[in-house]
């Protein structure tokens, strides 16, 4: 496993990290690893949950928000 040294860690950030580690019953190193994993590892989303979220967004979009002709025009123009 690799070892990383963090230089110039602001005191207030260290204090928050230390408090979070204590609250989660982890070492500071364990808390750092947890934070990095949460920030960098992809989160799996249940397909049914994703579909439900999309349906909730979809009902807020007016049916005439974009026409098939506008889509064709955008395709013909290409992306900038």
C-alpha atoms as a PDB file:
ATOM      1  CA  UNK A   1       0.000   0.000   0.000  1.00  0.00           C
ATOM      2  CA  UNK A   2       1.076   3.521  -0.701  1.00  0.00           C
ATOM      3  CA  UNK A   3       1.860   6.132   1.912  1.00  0.00           C
ATOM      4  CA  UNK A   4       0.849   9.765   1.496  1.00  0.00           C
ATOM      5  CA  UNK A   5       2.029  12.761   3.480  1.00  0.00           C
ATOM      6  CA  UNK A   6      -0.195  15.816   3.620  1.00  0.00           C
ATOM      7  CA  UNK A   7       1.713  19.060   4.016  1.00  0.00           C
ATOM      8  CA  UNK A   8       0.356  22.424   5.092  1.00  0.00           C
ATOM      9  CA  UNK A   9      -2.979  21.059   6.288  1.00  0.00           C
ATOM     10  CA  UNK A  10      -4.891  24.043   7.707  1.00  0.00           C
ATOM     11  CA  UNK A  11      -5.481  23.823  11.445  1.00  0.00           C
ATOM     12  CA  UNK A  12      -9.253  24.245  11.133  1.00  0.00           C
ATOM     13  CA  UNK A  13      -9.452  21.439   8.564  1.00  0.00           C
ATOM     14  CA  UNK A  14      -7.380  19.175  10.795  1.00  0.00           C
ATOM     15  CA  UNK A  15      -9.673  19.962  13.734  1.00  0.00           C
ATOM     16  CA  UNK A  16     -12.761  19.058  11.671  1.00  0.00           C
ATOM     17  CA  UNK A  17     -11.086  15.879  10.434  1.00  0.00           C
ATOM     18  CA  UNK A  18     -10.156  14.916  13.991  1.00  0.00           C
ATOM     19  CA  UNK A  19     -13.710  15.559  15.220  1.00  0.00           C
ATOM     20  CA  UNK A  20     -15.199  13.516  12.369  1.00  0.00           C
ATOM     21  CA  UNK A  21     -12.800  10.643  13.089  1.00  0.00           C
ATOM     22  CA  UNK A  22     -13.791  10.682  16.745  1.00  0.00           C
ATOM     23  CA  UNK A  23     -17.508  10.793  15.900  1.00  0.00           C
ATOM     24  CA  UNK A  24     -17.131   7.805  13.551  1.00  0.00           C
ATOM     25  CA  UNK A  25     -14.842   5.867  15.929  1.00  0.00           C
ATOM     26  CA  UNK A  26     -12.002   5.887  13.398  1.00  0.00           C
ATOM     27  CA  UNK A  27      -8.400   6.939  13.419  1.00  0.00           C
ATOM     28  CA  UNK A  28      -7.555  10.131  11.574  1.00  0.00           C
ATOM     29  CA  UNK A  29      -5.935   7.991   8.870  1.00  0.00           C
ATOM     30  CA  UNK A  30      -9.089   5.874   8.623  1.00  0.00           C
ATOM     31  CA  UNK A  31     -11.222   8.997   8.346  1.00  0.00           C
ATOM     32  CA  UNK A  32      -9.019  10.374   5.567  1.00  0.00           C
ATOM     33  CA  UNK A  33      -9.315   7.092   3.651  1.00  0.00           C
ATOM     34  CA  UNK A  34     -13.090   7.104   4.153  1.00  0.00           C
ATOM     35  CA  UNK A  35     -13.353  10.711   2.888  1.00  0.00           C
ATOM     36  CA  UNK A  36     -11.220   9.955  -0.166  1.00  0.00           C
ATOM     37  CA  UNK A  37     -13.228   6.840  -0.992  1.00  0.00           C
ATOM     38  CA  UNK A  38     -16.508   8.748  -0.643  1.00  0.00           C
ATOM     39  CA  UNK A  39     -15.234  11.523  -2.899  1.00  0.00           C
ATOM     40  CA  UNK A  40     -13.463   9.432  -5.534  1.00  0.00           C
ATOM     41  CA  UNK A  41     -15.188   6.064  -5.750  1.00  0.00           C
ATOM     42  CA  UNK A  42     -18.238   5.835  -8.011  1.00  0.00           C
ATOM     43  CA  UNK A  43     -21.482   5.353  -6.149  1.00  0.00           C
ATOM     44  CA  UNK A  44     -23.751   2.618  -7.445  1.00  0.00           C
ATOM     45  CA  UNK A  45     -27.302   3.777  -7.877  1.00  0.00           C
ATOM     46  CA  UNK A  46     -30.134   1.314  -7.929  1.00  0.00           C
ATOM     47  CA  UNK A  47     -31.663   1.361 -11.435  1.00  0.00           C
ATOM     48  CA  UNK A  48     -35.195   1.621 -10.024  1.00  0.00           C
ATOM     49  CA  UNK A  49     -34.157   4.617  -7.890  1.00  0.00           C
ATOM     50  CA  UNK A  50     -32.505   6.309 -10.865  1.00  0.00           C
ATOM     51  CA  UNK A  51     -35.598   5.736 -12.997  1.00  0.00           C
ATOM     52  CA  UNK A  52     -37.840   7.206 -10.310  1.00  0.00           C
ATOM     53  CA  UNK A  53     -35.626  10.307 -10.014  1.00  0.00           C
ATOM     54  CA  UNK A  54     -35.739  10.751 -13.793  1.00  0.00           C
ATOM     55  CA  UNK A  55     -39.515  10.455 -13.788  1.00  0.00           C
ATOM     56  CA  UNK A  56     -39.781  13.167 -11.115  1.00  0.00           C
ATOM     57  CA  UNK A  57     -37.626  15.483 -13.235  1.00  0.00           C
ATOM     58  CA  UNK A  58     -39.462  14.619 -16.425  1.00  0.00           C
ATOM     59  CA  UNK A  59     -42.861  15.761 -15.153  1.00  0.00           C
ATOM     60  CA  UNK A  60     -41.430  19.237 -14.537  1.00  0.00           C
ATOM     61  CA  UNK A  61     -40.342  19.656 -18.180  1.00  0.00           C
ATOM     62  CA  UNK A  62     -43.038  21.166 -20.385  1.00  0.00           C
ATOM     63  CA  UNK A  63     -43.945  18.926 -23.332  1.00  0.00           C
ATOM     64  CA  UNK A  64     -43.134  21.731 -25.774  1.00  0.00           C
ATOM     65  CA  UNK A  65     -39.751  22.554 -24.211  1.00  0.00           C
ATOM     66  CA  UNK A  66     -37.968  21.178 -27.255  1.00  0.00           C
ATOM     67  CA  UNK A  67     -39.356  20.010 -30.546  1.00  0.00           C
ATOM     68  CA  UNK A  68     -38.135  17.176 -32.738  1.00  0.00           C
ATOM     69  CA  UNK A  69     -37.226  19.809 -35.316  1.00  0.00           C
ATOM     70  CA  UNK A  70     -35.027  21.624 -32.784  1.00  0.00           C
ATOM     71  CA  UNK A  71     -33.262  18.342 -32.014  1.00  0.00           C
ATOM     72  CA  UNK A  72     -32.661  17.712 -35.722  1.00  0.00           C
ATOM     73  CA  UNK A  73     -31.372  21.253 -36.158  1.00  0.00           C
ATOM     74  CA  UNK A  74     -28.975  20.877 -33.240  1.00  0.00           C
ATOM     75  CA  UNK A  75     -27.695  17.596 -34.668  1.00  0.00           C
ATOM     76  CA  UNK A  76     -27.179  19.194 -38.087  1.00  0.00           C
ATOM     77  CA  UNK A  77     -25.306  22.166 -36.577  1.00  0.00           C
ATOM     78  CA  UNK A  78     -23.090  19.977 -34.416  1.00  0.00           C
ATOM     79  CA  UNK A  79     -21.726  20.892 -31.044  1.00  0.00           C
ATOM     80  CA  UNK A  80     -19.480  23.911 -30.504  1.00  0.00           C
END
